[in-house]
PDB file of N, CA and C in Angstrom:
ATOM      1  N   MET A   1     -40.480  18.842 -11.313  1.00  0.00           N
ATOM      2  CA  MET A   1     -39.994  18.025 -10.214  1.00  0.00           C
ATOM      3  C   MET A   1     -40.297  18.780  -8.916  1.00  0.00           C
ATOM      4  N   SER A   2     -40.909  18.102  -8.003  1.00  0.00           N
ATOM      5  CA  SER A   2     -41.295  18.748  -6.742  1.00  0.00           C
ATOM      6  C   SER A   2     -40.101  18.831  -5.796  1.00  0.00           C
ATOM      7  N   ASP A   3     -40.266  19.632  -4.779  1.00  0.00           N
ATOM      8  CA  ASP A   3     -39.217  19.756  -3.775  1.00  0.00           C
ATOM      9  C   ASP A   3     -38.950  18.423  -3.095  1.00  0.00           C
ATOM     10  N   GLU A   4     -40.000  17.668  -2.864  1.00  0.00           N
ATOM     11  CA  GLU A   4     -39.843  16.367  -2.213  1.00  0.00           C
ATOM     12  C   GLU A   4     -39.054  15.405  -3.104  1.00  0.00           C
ATOM     13  N   ASP A   5     -39.320  15.421  -4.408  1.00  0.00           N
ATOM     14  CA  ASP A   5     -38.582  14.569  -5.348  1.00  0.00           C
ATOM     15  C   ASP A   5     -37.103  14.954  -5.373  1.00  0.00           C
ATOM     16  N   ARG A   6     -36.843  16.248  -5.367  1.00  0.00           N
ATOM     17  CA  ARG A   6     -35.445  16.708  -5.367  1.00  0.00           C
ATOM     18  C   ARG A   6     -34.745  16.308  -4.071  1.00  0.00           C
ATOM     19  N   PHE A   7     -35.456  16.408  -2.960  1.00  0.00           N
ATOM     20  CA  PHE A   7     -34.894  16.019  -1.668  1.00  0.00           C
ATOM     21  C   PHE A   7     -34.554  14.527  -1.666  1.00  0.00           C
ATOM     22  N   ILE A   8     -35.445  13.711  -2.184  1.00  0.00           N
ATOM     23  CA  ILE A   8     -35.206  12.264  -2.267  1.00  0.00           C
ATOM     24  C   ILE A   8     -34.005  11.983  -3.169  1.00  0.00           C
ATOM     25  N   ASP A   9     -33.910  12.686  -4.289  1.00  0.00           N
ATOM     26  CA  ASP A   9     -32.782  12.518  -5.209  1.00  0.00           C
ATOM     27  C   ASP A   9     -31.464  12.872  -4.512  1.00  0.00           C
ATOM     28  N   ILE A  10     -31.475  13.935  -3.734  1.00  0.00           N
ATOM     29  CA  ILE A  10     -30.264  14.328  -3.002  1.00  0.00           C
ATOM     30  C   ILE A  10     -29.905  13.275  -1.956  1.00  0.00           C
ATOM     31  N   GLU A  11     -30.889  12.732  -1.258  1.00  0.00           N
ATOM     32  CA  GLU A  11     -30.630  11.682  -0.272  1.00  0.00           C
ATOM     33  C   GLU A  11     -30.021  10.443  -0.924  1.00  0.00           C
ATOM     34  N   ILE A  12     -30.533  10.083  -2.085  1.00  0.00           N
ATOM     35  CA  ILE A  12     -29.993   8.921  -2.808  1.00  0.00           C
ATOM     36  C   ILE A  12     -28.542   9.172  -3.206  1.00  0.00           C
ATOM     37  N   LYS A  13     -28.272  10.351  -3.747  1.00  0.00           N
ATOM     38  CA  LYS A  13     -26.898  10.681  -4.139  1.00  0.00           C
ATOM     39  C   LYS A  13     -25.968  10.696  -2.927  1.00  0.00           C
ATOM     40  N   LEU A  14     -26.439  11.213  -1.812  1.00  0.00           N
ATOM     41  CA  LEU A  14     -25.636  11.237  -0.591  1.00  0.00           C
ATOM     42  C   LEU A  14     -25.327   9.818  -0.113  1.00  0.00           C
ATOM     43  N   ALA A  15     -26.301   8.938  -0.190  1.00  0.00           N
ATOM     44  CA  ALA A  15     -26.086   7.545   0.218  1.00  0.00           C
ATOM     45  C   ALA A  15     -25.027   6.882  -0.665  1.00  0.00           C
ATOM     46  N   HIS A  16     -25.070   7.155  -1.962  1.00  0.00           N
ATOM     47  CA  HIS A  16     -24.057   6.608  -2.873  1.00  0.00           C
ATOM     48  C   HIS A  16     -22.677   7.190  -2.559  1.00  0.00           C
ATOM     49  N   GLN A  17     -22.615   8.458  -2.252  1.00  0.00           N
ATOM     50  CA  GLN A  17     -21.339   9.085  -1.904  1.00  0.00           C
ATOM     51  C   GLN A  17     -20.770   8.489  -0.618  1.00  0.00           C
ATOM     52  N   GLU A  18     -21.628   8.253   0.369  1.00  0.00           N
ATOM     53  CA  GLU A  18     -21.171   7.641   1.617  1.00  0.00           C
ATOM     54  C   GLU A  18     -20.616   6.249   1.368  1.00  0.00           C
ATOM     55  N   ASP A  19     -21.278   5.469   0.527  1.00  0.00           N
ATOM     56  CA  ASP A  19     -20.787   4.130   0.182  1.00  0.00           C
ATOM     57  C   ASP A  19     -19.435   4.214  -0.523  1.00  0.00           C
ATOM     58  N   LEU A  20     -19.303   5.161  -1.433  1.00  0.00           N
ATOM     59  CA  LEU A  20     -18.051   5.327  -2.162  1.00  0.00           C
ATOM     60  C   LEU A  20     -16.912   5.709  -1.220  1.00  0.00           C
ATOM     61  N   VAL A  21     -17.164   6.650  -0.344  1.00  0.00           N
ATOM     62  CA  VAL A  21     -16.139   7.076   0.612  1.00  0.00           C
ATOM     63  C   VAL A  21     -15.722   5.906   1.500  1.00  0.00           C
ATOM     64  N   GLU A  22     -16.673   5.131   1.965  1.00  0.00           N
ATOM     65  CA  GLU A  22     -16.362   3.982   2.811  1.00  0.00           C
ATOM     66  C   GLU A  22     -15.519   2.949   2.057  1.00  0.00           C
ATOM     67  N   SER A  23     -15.875   2.674   0.815  1.00  0.00           N
ATOM     68  CA  SER A  23     -15.097   1.694   0.047  1.00  0.00           C
ATOM     69  C   SER A  23     -13.695   2.224  -0.260  1.00  0.00           C
ATOM     70  N   LEU A  24     -13.568   3.519  -0.517  1.00  0.00           N
ATOM     71  CA  LEU A  24     -12.246   4.103  -0.741  1.00  0.00           C
ATOM     72  C   LEU A  24     -11.402   4.060   0.533  1.00  0.00           C
ATOM     73  N   ASN A  25     -12.012   4.341   1.673  1.00  0.00           N
ATOM     74  CA  ASN A  25     -11.288   4.260   2.941  1.00  0.00           C
ATOM     75  C   ASN A  25     -10.793   2.847   3.203  1.00  0.00           C
ATOM     76  N   THR A  26     -11.627   1.857   2.905  1.00  0.00           N
ATOM     77  CA  THR A  26     -11.242   0.465   3.087  1.00  0.00           C
ATOM     78  C   THR A  26     -10.061   0.124   2.185  1.00  0.00           C
ATOM     79  N   ARG A  27     -10.119   0.560   0.956  1.00  0.00           N
ATOM     80  CA  ARG A  27      -9.027   0.269   0.010  1.00  0.00           C
ATOM     81  C   ARG A  27      -7.733   0.946   0.438  1.00  0.00           C
ATOM     82  N   ILE A  28      -7.819   2.171   0.899  1.00  0.00           N
ATOM     83  CA  ILE A  28      -6.625   2.878   1.370  1.00  0.00           C
ATOM     84  C   ILE A  28      -6.023   2.149   2.561  1.00  0.00           C
ATOM     85  N   TYR A  29      -6.863   1.696   3.473  1.00  0.00           N
ATOM     86  CA  TYR A  29      -6.396   0.942   4.637  1.00  0.00           C
ATOM     87  C   TYR A  29      -5.658  -0.330   4.199  1.00  0.00           C
ATOM     88  N   GLU A  30      -6.232  -1.054   3.249  1.00  0.00           N
ATOM     89  CA  GLU A  30      -5.603  -2.279   2.748  1.00  0.00           C
ATOM     90  C   GLU A  30      -4.268  -1.976   2.078  1.00  0.00           C
ATOM     91  N   GLN A  31      -4.221  -0.906   1.299  1.00  0.00           N
ATOM     92  CA  GLN A  31      -2.977  -0.532   0.633  1.00  0.00           C
ATOM     93  C   GLN A  31      -1.915  -0.126   1.643  1.00  0.00           C
ATOM     94  N   GLN A  32      -2.311   0.577   2.707  1.00  0.00           N
ATOM     95  CA  GLN A  32      -1.337   0.974   3.723  1.00  0.00           C
ATOM     96  C   GLN A  32      -0.764  -0.242   4.435  1.00  0.00           C
ATOM     97  N   LYS A  33      -1.608  -1.249   4.707  1.00  0.00           N
ATOM     98  CA  LYS A  33      -1.101  -2.486   5.309  1.00  0.00           C
ATOM     99  C   LYS A  33      -0.077  -3.147   4.389  1.00  0.00           C
ATOM    100  N   GLN A  34      -0.372  -3.155   3.086  1.00  0.00           N
ATOM    101  CA  GLN A  34       0.554  -3.756   2.125  1.00  0.00           C
ATOM    102  C   GLN A  34       1.847  -2.959   2.053  1.00  0.00           C
ATOM    103  N   ILE A  35       1.769  -1.637   2.065  1.00  0.00           N
ATOM    104  CA  ILE A  35       2.954  -0.790   2.052  1.00  0.00           C
ATOM    105  C   ILE A  35       3.795  -1.050   3.297  1.00  0.00           C
ATOM    106  N   ASP A  36       3.148  -1.139   4.457  1.00  0.00           N
ATOM    107  CA  ASP A  36       3.875  -1.414   5.699  1.00  0.00           C
ATOM    108  C   ASP A  36       4.608  -2.747   5.628  1.00  0.00           C
ATOM    109  N   LYS A  37       3.948  -3.759   5.079  1.00  0.00           N
ATOM    110  CA  LYS A  37       4.573  -5.073   4.947  1.00  0.00           C
ATOM    111  C   LYS A  37       5.772  -5.012   4.004  1.00  0.00           C
ATOM    112  N   LEU A  38       5.620  -4.330   2.882  1.00  0.00           N
ATOM    113  CA  LEU A  38       6.721  -4.214   1.928  1.00  0.00           C
ATOM    114  C   LEU A  38       7.886  -3.424   2.509  1.00  0.00           C
ATOM    115  N   GLU A  39       7.598  -2.381   3.278  1.00  0.00           N
ATOM    116  CA  GLU A  39       8.659  -1.611   3.925  1.00  0.00           C
ATOM    117  C   GLU A  39       9.426  -2.483   4.919  1.00  0.00           C
ATOM    118  N   ALA A  40       8.714  -3.306   5.667  1.00  0.00           N
ATOM    119  CA  ALA A  40       9.368  -4.197   6.621  1.00  0.00           C
ATOM    120  C   ALA A  40      10.268  -5.196   5.888  1.00  0.00           C
ATOM    121  N   MET A  41       9.774  -5.728   4.779  1.00  0.00           N
ATOM    122  CA  MET A  41      10.589  -6.661   3.991  1.00  0.00           C
ATOM    123  C   MET A  41      11.827  -5.966   3.429  1.00  0.00           C
ATOM    124  N   LEU A  42      11.653  -4.757   2.938  1.00  0.00           N
ATOM    125  CA  LEU A  42      12.779  -4.002   2.386  1.00  0.00           C
ATOM    126  C   LEU A  42      13.801  -3.691   3.461  1.00  0.00           C
ATOM    127  N   ASN A  43      13.333  -3.292   4.642  1.00  0.00           N
ATOM    128  CA  ASN A  43      14.256  -3.015   5.747  1.00  0.00           C
ATOM    129  C   ASN A  43      15.018  -4.267   6.161  1.00  0.00           C
ATOM    130  N   ALA A  44      14.337  -5.403   6.201  1.00  0.00           N
ATOM    131  CA  ALA A  44      15.002  -6.656   6.548  1.00  0.00           C
ATOM    132  C   ALA A  44      16.049  -7.024   5.499  1.00  0.00           C
ATOM    133  N   LEU A  45      15.726  -6.821   4.238  1.00  0.00           N
ATOM    134  CA  LEU A  45      16.686  -7.105   3.169  1.00  0.00           C
ATOM    135  C   LEU A  45      17.895  -6.180   3.252  1.00  0.00           C
ATOM    136  N   ALA A  46      17.656  -4.898   3.497  1.00  0.00           N
ATOM    137  CA  ALA A  46      18.763  -3.946   3.619  1.00  0.00           C
ATOM    138  C   ALA A  46      19.651  -4.312   4.801  1.00  0.00           C
ATOM    139  N   GLU A  47      19.047  -4.690   5.915  1.00  0.00           N
ATOM    140  CA  GLU A  47      19.821  -5.091   7.093  1.00  0.00           C
ATOM    141  C   GLU A  47      20.635  -6.352   6.792  1.00  0.00           C
ATOM    142  N   HIS A  48      20.038  -7.292   6.097  1.00  0.00           N
ATOM    143  CA  HIS A  48      20.743  -8.514   5.712  1.00  0.00           C
ATOM    144  C   HIS A  48      21.952  -8.188   4.831  1.00  0.00           C
ATOM    145  N   LEU A  49      21.768  -7.313   3.868  1.00  0.00           N
ATOM    146  CA  LEU A  49      22.875  -6.939   2.980  1.00  0.00           C
ATOM    147  C   LEU A  49      23.969  -6.203   3.748  1.00  0.00           C
ATOM    148  N   ARG A  50      23.574  -5.320   4.691  1.00  0.00           N
ATOM    149  CA  ARG A  50      24.578  -4.616   5.501  1.00  0.00           C
ATOM    150  C   ARG A  50      25.367  -5.598   6.352  1.00  0.00           C
ATOM    151  N   ASN A  51      24.676  -6.555   6.960  1.00  0.00           N
ATOM    152  CA  ASN A  51      25.363  -7.548   7.787  1.00  0.00           C
ATOM    153  C   ASN A  51      26.329  -8.382   6.960  1.00  0.00           C
ATOM    154  N   ASN A  52      25.914  -8.780   5.771  1.00  0.00           N
ATOM    155  CA  ASN A  52      26.792  -9.569   4.909  1.00  0.00           C
ATOM    156  C   ASN A  52      28.001  -8.755   4.484  1.00  0.00           C
ATOM    157  N   ALA A  53      27.821  -7.486   4.177  1.00  0.00           N
ATOM    158  CA  ALA A  53      28.935  -6.639   3.756  1.00  0.00           C
ATOM    159  C   ALA A  53      29.908  -6.429   4.906  1.00  0.00           C
ATOM    160  N   GLN A  54      29.402  -6.302   6.125  1.00  0.00           N
ATOM    161  CA  GLN A  54      30.272  -6.098   7.293  1.00  0.00           C
ATOM    162  C   GLN A  54      31.087  -7.334   7.616  1.00  0.00           C
ATOM    163  N   HIS A  55      30.577  -8.496   7.277  1.00  0.00           N
ATOM    164  CA  HIS A  55      31.292  -9.740   7.564  1.00  0.00           C
ATOM    165  C   HIS A  55      32.077 -10.242   6.356  1.00  0.00           C
ATOM    166  N   GLY A  56      32.235  -9.417   5.360  1.00  0.00           N
ATOM    167  CA  GLY A  56      33.024  -9.772   4.190  1.00  0.00           C
ATOM    168  C   GLY A  56      32.356 -10.749   3.252  1.00  0.00           C
ATOM    169  N   GLN A  57      31.095 -10.989   3.424  1.00  0.00           N
ATOM    170  CA  GLN A  57      30.384 -11.910   2.547  1.00  0.00           C
ATOM    171  C   GLN A  57      29.881 -11.143   1.341  1.00  0.00           C
ATOM    172  N   THR A  58      29.873 -11.807   0.205  1.00  0.00           N
ATOM    173  CA  THR A  58      29.379 -11.186  -1.013  1.00  0.00           C
ATOM    174  C   THR A  58      28.060 -11.823  -1.409  1.00  0.00           C
ATOM    175  N   PRO A  59      27.236 -11.102  -2.121  1.00  0.00           N
ATOM    176  CA  PRO A  59      25.974 -11.695  -2.593  1.00  0.00           C
ATOM    177  C   PRO A  59      26.226 -12.920  -3.462  1.00  0.00           C
ATOM    178  N   LEU A  60      25.298 -13.854  -3.465  1.00  0.00           N
ATOM    179  CA  LEU A  60      25.469 -15.094  -4.207  1.00  0.00           C
ATOM    180  C   LEU A  60      25.566 -14.885  -5.712  1.00  0.00           C
ATOM    181  N   ASN A  61      24.929 -13.866  -6.240  1.00  0.00           N
ATOM    182  CA  ASN A  61      24.945 -13.681  -7.684  1.00  0.00           C
ATOM    183  C   ASN A  61      26.035 -12.735  -8.163  1.00  0.00           C
ATOM    184  N   GLU A  62      26.959 -12.354  -7.281  1.00  0.00           N
ATOM    185  CA  GLU A  62      28.046 -11.460  -7.694  1.00  0.00           C
ATOM    186  C   GLU A  62      29.094 -12.259  -8.463  1.00  0.00           C
ATOM    187  N   ARG A  63      29.560 -11.705  -9.563  1.00  0.00           N
ATOM    188  CA  ARG A  63      30.570 -12.397 -10.363  1.00  0.00           C
ATOM    189  C   ARG A  63      31.930 -12.322  -9.674  1.00  0.00           C
ATOM    190  N   PRO A  64      32.692 -13.392  -9.798  1.00  0.00           N
ATOM    191  CA  PRO A  64      34.050 -13.366  -9.241  1.00  0.00           C
ATOM    192  C   PRO A  64      34.905 -12.328  -9.966  1.00  0.00           C
ATOM    193  N   PRO A  65      35.997 -11.875  -9.354  1.00  0.00           N
ATOM    194  CA  PRO A  65      36.815 -10.817  -9.952  1.00  0.00           C
ATOM    195  C   PRO A  65      37.436 -11.159 -11.312  1.00  0.00           C
ATOM    196  N   HIS A  66      37.629 -12.437 -11.632  1.00  0.00           N
ATOM    197  CA  HIS A  66      38.293 -12.802 -12.894  1.00  0.00           C
ATOM    198  C   HIS A  66      37.379 -12.673 -14.106  1.00  0.00           C
ATOM    199  N   TYR A  67      36.100 -12.284 -13.960  1.00  0.00           N
ATOM    200  CA  TYR A  67      35.214 -12.133 -15.099  1.00  0.00           C
ATOM    201  C   TYR A  67      35.333 -10.781 -15.688  1.00  0.00           C
TER     202      TYR A  67
END
């Protein structure tokens, strides 16, 4: 294998690595957006539960005391 062939092989491998890194970065970005959305939903739910507890309201699926 000549030096030129090895150089071309390295360039091809580098191009594949760059594509892989870019696709992984894109996936991480998408996952972070999803995590942010889920955190916002969780915070809203926690705030809702705190507000209900402060106003003496109980969750709808809580069993009455006589059970």
